[in-house]
Each structure stands twice: as structure tokens, then as C-alpha cells.
Protein backbone atom coordinates (compact mmCIF):
# COMPACT_ATOMS: atom_id res chain seq x y z
CA MET A 1 47.70 55.04 -27.30
CA SER A 2 49.88 52.70 -28.88
CA SER A 3 52.34 50.59 -26.92
CA ILE A 4 54.91 50.01 -30.13
CA ASP A 5 57.41 52.70 -30.58
CA PRO A 6 57.39 55.06 -33.34
CA SER A 7 59.18 53.85 -36.48
CA GLN A 8 59.40 54.51 -40.34
CA THR A 9 56.90 51.90 -40.99
CA LEU A 10 53.13 52.20 -40.51
CA TYR A 11 50.83 48.88 -40.23
CA ILE A 12 47.61 49.80 -42.09
CA THR A 13 44.25 47.65 -41.49
CA ASN A 14 40.87 47.69 -42.86
CA ILE A 15 41.75 48.18 -46.37
CA LYS A 16 38.45 46.71 -48.15
CA GLY A 17 37.63 47.36 -51.89
CA ARG A 18 37.52 45.72 -55.03
CA ALA A 19 40.44 47.08 -56.99
CA ASN A 20 43.74 44.87 -57.47
CA VAL A 21 46.56 44.95 -55.36
CA GLU A 22 48.65 47.38 -57.83
CA GLU A 23 45.68 49.80 -57.92
CA ILE A 24 45.29 49.67 -54.22
CA LYS A 25 48.95 50.33 -53.90
CA ALA A 26 48.72 53.31 -56.45
CA CYS A 27 46.07 54.72 -54.35
CA LEU A 28 47.71 54.39 -51.01
CA TYR A 29 50.97 56.11 -52.59
CA GLY A 30 48.95 59.12 -53.62
CA LEU A 31 47.28 59.18 -50.14
CA PHE A 32 50.48 58.70 -48.21
CA SER A 33 52.84 60.49 -50.17
CA THR A 34 51.77 63.81 -49.36
CA TYR A 35 53.26 63.62 -45.46
CA GLY A 36 56.82 62.56 -47.01
CA PRO A 37 59.10 60.46 -49.31
CA ILE A 38 58.13 56.96 -49.30
CA LEU A 39 60.49 53.99 -49.43
CA ASP A 40 58.17 51.32 -50.20
CA ILE A 41 54.57 50.07 -49.84
CA VAL A 42 53.95 46.38 -49.38
CA ILE A 43 50.28 44.44 -49.81
CA LYS A 44 50.40 40.98 -49.73
CA LYS A 45 47.68 38.61 -51.64
CA THR A 46 47.65 35.94 -49.14
CA GLU A 47 44.63 35.51 -47.33
CA LYS A 48 45.78 35.97 -43.80
CA MET A 49 47.14 39.40 -44.85
CA ARG A 50 44.31 40.52 -46.87
CA GLU A 51 43.02 44.03 -46.07
CA GLN A 52 46.51 45.05 -44.57
CA ALA A 53 49.47 46.98 -45.79
CA PHE A 54 52.75 48.47 -44.93
CA VAL A 55 53.96 52.01 -45.92
CA VAL A 56 57.59 52.76 -45.31
CA TYR A 57 58.57 56.22 -45.22
CA ASN A 58 62.35 57.67 -44.81
CA SER A 59 62.07 59.12 -41.58
CA VAL A 60 59.93 58.59 -38.42
CA ALA A 61 58.62 62.22 -38.62
CA SER A 62 57.14 61.69 -41.96
CA ALA A 63 55.37 58.14 -40.92
CA THR A 64 54.06 60.05 -37.73
CA THR A 65 52.73 62.87 -39.31
CA ALA A 66 51.09 60.35 -41.76
CA LYS A 67 49.76 58.37 -38.92
CA ARG A 68 48.16 61.30 -37.22
CA GLY A 69 46.88 62.84 -40.31
CA LEU A 70 45.13 59.56 -41.65
CA ASN A 71 44.14 57.30 -39.00
CA GLY A 72 40.39 57.05 -39.42
CA PHE A 73 40.50 58.22 -42.76
CA THR A 74 37.79 56.92 -45.21
CA PHE A 75 39.85 55.01 -47.91
CA LEU A 76 37.75 52.78 -50.35
CA GLY A 77 34.80 53.56 -47.98
CA HIS A 78 36.31 52.13 -44.89
CA ALA A 79 38.03 54.15 -42.03
CA LEU A 80 41.73 53.04 -42.26
CA LYS A 81 43.35 51.96 -38.92
CA ILE A 82 46.95 52.78 -38.70
CA GLU A 83 49.84 51.81 -36.31
CA TYR A 84 53.55 51.66 -36.30
CA SER A 85 55.06 48.46 -37.39
CA LYS A 86 56.27 45.69 -34.88
CA THR A 87 59.43 45.35 -36.81
CA LYS A 88 61.84 46.84 -38.70
CA SER A 89 60.90 46.87 -42.72
CA ASP A 90 63.44 45.21 -45.21
CA ALA A 91 63.50 48.60 -47.16
CA VAL A 92 64.79 50.17 -43.56
CA ALA A 93 67.02 47.49 -42.86
CA LYS A 94 68.74 47.77 -46.18
CA LEU A 95 69.52 51.43 -45.81
CA ASP A 96 71.06 51.25 -42.23
CA GLY A 97 73.08 48.20 -42.91
CA THR A 98 71.21 45.58 -40.70
CA TYR A 99 69.35 43.84 -43.59
CA ARG A 100 69.80 39.91 -43.22
CA LEU A 101 68.59 37.37 -46.22
CA ARG A 102 66.37 35.14 -44.82
CA ASP A 103 66.52 31.20 -45.24
CA SER A 104 63.57 29.71 -46.81
CA SER A 105 64.56 26.31 -44.96
CA THR A 106 64.22 28.09 -41.56
CA LYS A 107 60.73 29.01 -42.38
CA ARG A 108 59.84 25.57 -43.25
CA ALA A 109 61.39 24.04 -40.28
CA ALA A 110 59.43 26.34 -38.21
CA GLU A 111 56.41 25.39 -39.96
CA GLU A 112 57.11 21.60 -39.48
CA GLU A 113 57.88 22.25 -35.68
CA ARG A 114 54.28 24.14 -35.47
CA GLU A 115 52.81 20.84 -37.02
CA GLU A 116 54.52 18.90 -34.23
CA ASN A 117 53.62 20.94 -31.42
CA PRO A 118 50.41 22.87 -31.84
CA SER A 119 50.65 24.17 -28.26
CA LYS A 120 53.34 26.63 -29.94
CA MET A 121 51.51 27.60 -32.71
CA ALA A 122 50.11 30.96 -31.42
CA LYS A 123 53.57 32.14 -30.66
CA THR A 124 55.19 31.08 -33.97
CA GLU A 125 52.25 32.41 -35.83
CA ASP A 126 53.18 36.28 -34.05
CA ARG A 127 56.75 35.49 -35.42
CA ASP A 128 55.55 34.02 -38.61
CA GLU A 129 53.54 37.31 -39.50
CA GLU A 130 56.50 39.38 -38.53
CA ASP A 131 58.77 37.34 -40.85
CA ASP A 132 55.93 37.73 -43.62
CA GLU A 133 56.03 41.22 -43.48
CA ASP A 134 59.60 41.76 -43.91
CA SER A 135 59.88 38.99 -46.59
CA ASP A 136 57.90 41.24 -49.31
CA ASP A 137 59.06 44.71 -48.32
CA ASP A 138 61.81 44.46 -51.01
CA HIS A 139 59.21 43.75 -53.87
CA ALA A 140 57.28 46.82 -54.01
């Protein structure tokens, strides 16, 4: 059982395939939209985020139904692994009025600090992954 609270955003891993990002996104939309209205699907092209996606529903109930129905589902020849996202997506934040535009200089400062203090690297990488997830939510 996951220790992450249920949310509208699902974090999907083990997405393997030779299709391009847009084709995978379309396939995910077709699969996940059967469980409720989708606000956004985010797939990153970076090496660090490959084989991962975020699907944002308009309700927690839809996300929960999709998670229960599709966790372990064979997609492009591999079993999907689905969890709730650790952070709120930009799409949800925009709807509930809590969205804040991120300053790119803040991210650069964190990267410089990581270079100067490698012992903090693990903690800041976790934070950066959450920021990476949120920063592209509004582009899909």
C-alpha cells in the first residue's frame, strides 16, 4: 500500500516503447480517459524522467479508479506501475487558485549549491524531481 495520500495526479512508471512522446501520450490518453475526464498528461523527454508520465484527472475519485484498474496493466509490452503523485500538478493548482510561477533563477541557484555542497545532493534531487514534474504540467 502506498504511503502517499490519494490525489488527482497519477505517477506512472515502466512506460517502455519505441514510439515518440506524442504517440505514447495519445495512447495513454486513450487508455486512461475511460476512467474520467483528464486535465493533463505530462511526459518528459529527459534521460532522468524517461519511462515516466503523469496523468492528471479532474477528481481524486477518477484517479483512484484508474489506479485500481490499470496498475499492472500491460502497456506497450510492459506492466504499468501506478502511484499517486507526491506533489500537486500545475493543472490542479491553476484550478484551485494556488498556482505560482516558478523563477528559473531559483532552480539555477539550487543547482549551483548542489555543485558546492555534494552532501546535500540527494535531498535537492528529490526536490528537483518534484519541480520538474510540476514545471511541465501546463505544457501538455
